[in-house]
C-alpha cells in the first residue's frame, strides 16, 4: 500500500503490544490484528506509546511489524501501517530510518525530541532532516506534555510544505492552536487527534480523524462517530459519543496502556495483561472498576 496521505484519515488504532513471560506474544498479536483488521479501523500505529515501543528491542519491533503485515496480507482487507519512532538524537533517528527502510510499512509516526527541549529552529531542522532521509512518508507527533516542547503552528505550517511530511498526530493540549492549524493547513496535510477524551470535539472542529487507544473497545462506535459527523449528522454522532465518553476516562485512569491491556485480557483478545517496567499492570481498584464496566456493557448488548 502506498500514498499514506490518501489513507491518513478516519479511525486509526495505536495497537497495544501483547507480552507473555517477558516475550512478545505472537499468538495474541495475530488475534488482535485479525480482530481489528477485519473491522472499522482505517490504519494501525505500531510500536508507539500505546505499543510500549520504547521497551521493544530491535528484533521485537521488526517481528511486530512482520506479524501484523502477514496477517493483513492473509486477510481480505488491508489497512496501512505506521511505525512509531522517537528519540532526541537526529543522527540516530536517521540511522533508524535506514534500518527500517525495507520493512513492510507505509509510513512513520515520529514524535518530537524528548527532554532536550530544542528551539523551534531546532525542531524545524530536525524534522526536515528526517523527512529528507526517510524512505516512507512521515506523520509528526506533537505531544508537549511528554516531550516538554510544543511544535508551534508556525513551525508545523512550514513542515507541512515538505513533500514527505503528510500529517500530524495532535496532542498539543490547546484547542485554540488546533483550530488555527486546521484553518491554515495545506489541503493535503492531515490532522488526527491523539487525545481520546477530545475525539468528538476535535472531529467537530474539522480534524480528519483520530488515533484512539480507547477504540480497542467499542471500535465500531468510535468509527461511527467519525462517519456520522462526516455525513453532517451531529446529533447522531453526539449520541454515539455519549456511549463511549466515560470509557475514555476509565482507560486513562492509570498510565496507559495498562487499563486497555487489562480490558483486552478480560475479554479474551490477549492472553496476558503483562506490561514492561517501568510500566505496571492496573491496580486492584481499577481492575474491579473495569470488570464492572465490562459486565455492564455485556448486559446492555445482550
Protein backbone atom coordinates (compact mmCIF):
# COMPACT_ATOMS: atom_id res chain seq x y z
CA UNK A 1 0.00 0.00 0.00
CA UNK A 2 1.36 3.42 -0.94
CA UNK A 3 0.24 7.05 -0.67
CA UNK A 4 -0.06 7.37 3.10
CA UNK A 5 -1.58 10.83 2.74
CA UNK A 6 -4.58 9.25 0.99
CA UNK A 7 -5.20 6.93 3.95
CA UNK A 8 -4.41 9.22 6.89
CA UNK A 9 -7.98 9.81 7.99
CA UNK A 10 -10.74 8.13 9.94
CA UNK A 11 -10.08 5.86 12.91
CA UNK A 12 -6.51 4.68 13.47
CA UNK A 13 -5.64 2.25 16.23
CA UNK A 14 -2.36 2.58 18.20
CA UNK A 15 -2.16 -1.16 18.70
CA UNK A 16 -1.04 -2.47 22.09
CA UNK A 17 1.89 -4.89 22.10
CA UNK A 18 0.99 -8.11 23.93
CA UNK A 19 3.63 -9.78 26.10
CA UNK A 20 3.72 -13.08 27.93
CA UNK A 21 6.55 -14.33 30.10
CA UNK A 22 8.65 -11.31 29.16
CA UNK A 23 8.47 -12.01 25.43
CA UNK A 24 6.41 -10.76 22.51
CA UNK A 25 3.18 -12.79 22.46
CA UNK A 26 2.77 -13.51 18.76
CA UNK A 27 -0.34 -15.62 19.17
CA UNK A 28 -2.20 -12.75 20.87
CA UNK A 29 -0.76 -10.27 18.37
CA UNK A 30 -2.16 -12.28 15.47
CA UNK A 31 -5.53 -12.50 17.20
CA UNK A 32 -5.59 -8.73 17.75
CA UNK A 33 -4.62 -7.98 14.17
CA UNK A 34 -7.30 -10.25 12.72
CA UNK A 35 -9.93 -8.85 15.07
CA UNK A 36 -9.29 -5.17 14.39
CA UNK A 37 -8.16 -5.52 10.79
CA UNK A 38 -11.50 -7.07 9.86
CA UNK A 39 -13.46 -4.21 11.40
CA UNK A 40 -13.79 -0.47 11.14
CA UNK A 41 -10.16 0.52 11.74
CA UNK A 42 -8.56 2.62 8.97
CA UNK A 43 -4.93 2.10 9.99
CA UNK A 44 -2.54 0.76 12.61
CA UNK A 45 0.18 2.55 14.55
CA UNK A 46 2.77 0.06 15.78
CA UNK A 47 5.48 0.45 18.41
CA UNK A 48 4.48 3.93 19.57
CA UNK A 49 3.47 5.00 23.09
CA UNK A 50 0.46 2.67 23.34
CA UNK A 51 2.57 -0.15 21.92
CA UNK A 52 5.28 0.33 24.58
CA UNK A 53 7.72 0.93 21.75
CA UNK A 54 10.44 2.34 23.97
CA UNK A 55 10.76 -1.08 25.66
CA UNK A 56 10.93 -3.09 22.43
CA UNK A 57 14.23 -4.46 21.19
CA UNK A 58 15.08 -4.00 17.52
CA UNK A 59 14.31 -7.63 16.68
CA UNK A 60 11.00 -7.47 18.56
CA UNK A 61 9.92 -4.34 16.73
CA UNK A 62 10.79 -5.88 13.39
CA UNK A 63 8.89 -9.03 14.28
CA UNK A 64 5.91 -6.98 15.47
CA UNK A 65 5.69 -5.29 12.07
CA UNK A 66 6.21 -8.55 10.20
CA UNK A 67 3.45 -10.40 12.07
CA UNK A 68 0.90 -7.61 11.61
CA UNK A 69 1.72 -7.35 7.90
CA UNK A 70 1.49 -11.14 7.49
CA UNK A 71 -1.97 -11.15 9.00
CA UNK A 72 -3.08 -8.21 6.89
CA UNK A 73 -1.76 -9.82 3.71
CA UNK A 74 -3.64 -13.01 4.52
CA UNK A 75 -6.90 -11.17 5.14
CA UNK A 76 -9.42 -9.80 2.66
CA UNK A 77 -8.91 -6.25 3.96
CA UNK A 78 -5.55 -4.50 4.19
CA UNK A 79 -5.02 -1.32 6.19
CA UNK A 80 -1.91 0.89 6.27
CA UNK A 81 0.73 0.52 8.97
CA UNK A 82 2.74 3.35 10.50
CA UNK A 83 5.77 2.64 12.65
CA UNK A 84 6.22 4.80 15.74
CA UNK A 85 9.72 6.17 16.29
CA UNK A 86 11.06 8.61 18.84
CA UNK A 87 14.34 9.93 20.13
CA UNK A 88 16.37 13.03 20.90
CA UNK A 89 19.31 12.34 18.58
CA UNK A 90 18.63 13.29 14.96
CA UNK A 91 21.55 11.31 13.58
CA UNK A 92 20.48 8.16 15.44
CA UNK A 93 16.93 8.54 14.17
CA UNK A 94 18.28 8.81 10.63
CA UNK A 95 20.03 5.50 11.24
CA UNK A 96 16.74 4.03 12.46
CA UNK A 97 15.10 5.20 9.24
CA UNK A 98 17.79 3.38 7.28
CA UNK A 99 17.40 0.24 9.39
CA UNK A 100 13.64 0.13 8.81
CA UNK A 101 13.57 1.33 5.20
CA UNK A 102 12.79 -2.12 3.80
CA UNK A 103 10.26 -3.10 6.48
CA UNK A 104 6.68 -3.69 5.22
CA UNK A 105 5.27 -0.38 6.47
CA UNK A 106 3.53 2.59 4.85
CA UNK A 107 4.99 5.41 6.89
CA UNK A 108 6.30 6.66 10.22
CA UNK A 109 4.83 8.46 13.21
CA UNK A 110 7.70 10.45 14.70
CA UNK A 111 7.43 12.29 18.00
CA UNK A 112 9.24 15.47 18.92
CA UNK A 113 12.62 15.02 20.62
CA UNK A 114 12.06 14.44 24.31
CA UNK A 115 13.85 16.02 27.27
CA UNK A 116 16.31 18.21 25.31
CA UNK A 117 13.72 20.92 24.59
CA UNK A 118 15.04 22.24 21.25
CA UNK A 119 14.06 25.64 19.85
CA UNK A 120 11.57 25.93 17.02
CA UNK A 121 14.51 26.30 14.62
CA UNK A 122 15.90 23.07 16.05
CA UNK A 123 12.58 21.27 15.63
CA UNK A 124 12.29 22.51 12.05
CA UNK A 125 15.81 21.33 11.17
CA UNK A 126 15.28 18.00 12.99
CA UNK A 127 12.08 17.05 11.17
CA UNK A 128 13.28 18.34 7.81
CA UNK A 129 16.44 16.23 8.11
CA UNK A 130 14.36 13.15 8.90
CA UNK A 131 11.86 13.81 6.12
CA UNK A 132 14.67 14.32 3.60
CA UNK A 133 16.16 11.00 4.66
CA UNK A 134 13.12 8.76 5.07
CA UNK A 135 12.10 6.18 2.51
CA UNK A 136 8.49 6.40 3.71
CA UNK A 137 6.24 9.40 4.47
CA UNK A 138 6.21 10.95 7.92
CA UNK A 139 3.40 11.96 10.22
CA UNK A 140 4.55 14.19 13.06
CA UNK A 141 3.55 13.68 16.68
CA UNK A 142 3.15 16.80 18.80
CA UNK A 143 2.73 15.88 22.47
CA UNK A 144 4.36 18.58 24.60
CA UNK A 145 3.24 17.16 27.95
CA UNK A 146 5.53 14.18 27.26
CA UNK A 147 8.35 15.89 25.34
CA UNK A 148 8.38 19.28 27.16
CA UNK A 149 8.33 21.17 23.86
CA UNK A 150 5.40 22.30 21.71
CA UNK A 151 5.67 22.43 17.92
CA UNK A 152 4.09 25.80 17.18
CA UNK A 153 1.72 26.27 14.28
CA UNK A 154 4.27 28.46 12.53
CA UNK A 155 6.72 25.56 12.57
CA UNK A 156 4.05 22.99 11.67
CA UNK A 157 2.90 25.01 8.67
CA UNK A 158 6.46 25.21 7.37
CA UNK A 159 6.92 21.47 7.87
CA UNK A 160 3.60 20.80 6.14
CA UNK A 161 5.14 22.15 2.93
CA UNK A 162 7.66 19.29 2.86
CA UNK A 163 6.75 16.70 0.24
CA UNK A 164 7.46 13.82 2.65
CA UNK A 165 5.57 15.16 5.70
CA UNK A 166 1.91 14.29 5.28
CA UNK A 167 0.20 14.79 8.61
CA UNK A 168 0.12 15.22 12.37
CA UNK A 169 -1.00 13.35 15.45
CA UNK A 170 -2.20 16.27 17.51
CA UNK A 171 -1.84 16.02 21.28
CA UNK A 172 -0.97 19.68 21.70
CA UNK A 173 -3.50 20.16 24.53
CA UNK A 174 -4.60 23.53 23.11
CA UNK A 175 -7.90 23.60 21.26
CA UNK A 176 -7.15 27.14 20.11
CA UNK A 177 -3.90 26.04 18.47
CA UNK A 178 -5.57 23.01 16.90
CA UNK A 179 -8.42 25.05 15.40
CA UNK A 180 -5.96 27.58 13.97
CA UNK A 181 -3.91 24.78 12.43
CA UNK A 182 -6.98 23.18 10.87
CA UNK A 183 -7.89 26.56 9.39
CA UNK A 184 -4.47 27.38 7.96
CA UNK A 185 -3.02 23.99 6.94
CA UNK A 186 -2.45 22.97 3.31
CA UNK A 187 -5.32 20.91 1.95
CA UNK A 188 -3.27 17.70 1.72
CA UNK A 189 -1.87 17.91 5.28
CA UNK A 190 -3.87 15.59 7.53
CA UNK A 191 -4.53 16.25 11.20
CA UNK A 192 -5.66 13.42 13.50
CA UNK A 193 -6.31 13.94 17.18
CA UNK A 194 -4.46 11.73 19.62
CA UNK A 195 -6.48 12.80 22.65
CA UNK A 196 -9.15 10.18 23.27
CA UNK A 197 -11.22 12.38 25.58
CA UNK A 198 -11.32 15.12 22.92
CA UNK A 199 -12.16 12.85 19.97
CA UNK A 200 -15.67 14.19 19.35
CA UNK A 201 -14.59 17.79 19.92
CA UNK A 202 -11.63 17.51 17.54
CA UNK A 203 -13.69 15.88 14.78
CA UNK A 204 -16.33 18.58 15.22
CA UNK A 205 -13.60 21.19 14.76
CA UNK A 206 -12.56 19.60 11.46
CA UNK A 207 -9.86 17.05 12.30
CA UNK A 208 -9.53 14.30 9.71
CA UNK A 209 -9.76 11.52 12.27
CA UNK A 210 -8.19 10.19 15.41
CA UNK A 211 -5.50 7.85 16.68
CA UNK A 212 -7.50 6.48 19.58
CA UNK A 213 -6.36 3.92 22.15
CA UNK A 214 -9.89 3.64 23.56
CA UNK A 215 -11.03 2.29 20.20
CA UNK A 216 -9.60 -1.07 21.28
CA UNK A 217 -13.02 -1.18 22.97
CA UNK A 218 -16.27 -0.27 21.18
CA UNK A 219 -14.34 0.12 17.93
CA UNK A 220 -17.46 0.35 15.78
CA UNK A 221 -18.86 3.16 17.92
CA UNK A 222 -15.72 5.28 17.56
CA UNK A 223 -15.80 4.69 13.80
CA UNK A 224 -19.48 5.60 13.65
CA UNK A 225 -18.85 8.93 15.38
CA UNK A 226 -16.47 9.90 12.57
CA UNK A 227 -18.88 8.63 9.91
CA UNK A 228 -21.89 10.47 11.36
CA UNK A 229 -20.02 13.76 11.61
CA UNK A 230 -18.74 13.35 8.05
CA UNK A 231 -22.38 12.94 6.95
CA UNK A 232 -23.29 16.06 8.88
CA UNK A 233 -25.44 14.31 11.48
CA UNK A 234 -24.06 15.89 14.63
CA UNK A 235 -26.92 14.71 16.84
CA UNK A 236 -26.34 11.06 15.92
CA UNK A 237 -22.61 11.50 16.46
CA UNK A 238 -23.22 13.12 19.83
CA UNK A 239 -25.43 10.22 20.89
CA UNK A 240 -22.71 7.77 19.92
CA UNK A 241 -20.09 9.81 21.75
CA UNK A 242 -22.19 9.77 24.90
CA UNK A 243 -21.89 5.96 24.81
CA UNK A 244 -18.09 6.00 24.99
CA UNK A 245 -17.03 9.30 26.57
CA UNK A 246 -16.80 7.70 30.01
CA UNK A 247 -14.79 4.86 28.55
CA UNK A 248 -12.03 7.27 27.51
CA UNK A 249 -11.70 8.38 31.13
CA UNK A 250 -11.72 4.85 32.53
CA UNK A 251 -8.99 3.64 30.15
CA UNK A 252 -6.74 6.52 31.18
CA UNK A 253 -7.46 6.38 34.91
CA UNK A 254 -3.97 4.89 35.33
CA UNK A 255 -0.99 5.10 32.95
CA UNK A 256 -1.85 3.78 29.51
CA UNK A 257 -1.92 1.19 28.02
CA UNK A 258 -2.28 -0.87 31.23
CA UNK A 259 -6.07 -0.35 31.55
CA UNK A 260 -6.66 -1.25 27.89
CA UNK A 261 -4.49 -4.34 28.20
CA UNK A 262 -6.41 -5.46 31.26
CA UNK A 263 -9.73 -4.99 29.38
CA UNK A 264 -8.42 -6.94 26.36
CA UNK A 265 -7.20 -9.73 28.63
CA UNK A 266 -10.55 -9.97 30.43
CA UNK A 267 -12.26 -10.00 27.03
CA UNK A 268 -10.08 -12.84 25.75
CA UNK A 269 -8.33 -10.92 22.99
CA UNK A 270 -4.89 -11.20 24.59
CA UNK A 271 -3.56 -13.95 26.84
CA UNK A 272 -1.99 -11.68 29.46
CA UNK A 273 -2.26 -8.05 30.65
CA UNK A 274 1.52 -8.05 31.14
CA UNK A 275 3.40 -4.75 30.97
CA UNK A 276 7.12 -3.98 30.85
CA UNK A 277 8.77 -1.96 33.58
CA UNK A 278 8.70 0.84 34.42
CA UNK A 279 5.04 0.44 33.40
CA UNK A 280 2.99 -1.84 35.66
CA UNK A 281 -0.38 -3.56 35.46
CA UNK A 282 -3.51 -1.84 36.77
CA UNK A 283 -4.29 -1.62 40.47
CA UNK A 284 -6.83 -3.95 42.01
CA UNK A 285 -9.21 -1.00 42.41
CA UNK A 286 -9.12 -0.11 38.72
CA UNK A 287 -9.29 -3.78 37.72
CA UNK A 288 -12.54 -4.06 39.68
CA UNK A 289 -13.92 -0.92 38.03
CA UNK A 290 -13.07 -2.26 34.57
CA UNK A 291 -14.67 -5.62 35.42
CA UNK A 292 -17.87 -3.81 36.42
CA UNK A 293 -17.89 -1.81 33.20
CA UNK A 294 -17.32 -4.92 31.07
CA UNK A 295 -20.22 -6.60 32.84
CA UNK A 296 -22.46 -3.56 32.37
CA UNK A 297 -21.72 -3.30 28.65
CA UNK A 298 -22.21 -7.03 28.19
CA UNK A 299 -25.68 -6.79 29.75
CA UNK A 300 -26.60 -3.77 27.61
CA UNK A 301 -25.53 -5.60 24.47
CA UNK A 302 -27.44 -8.76 25.39
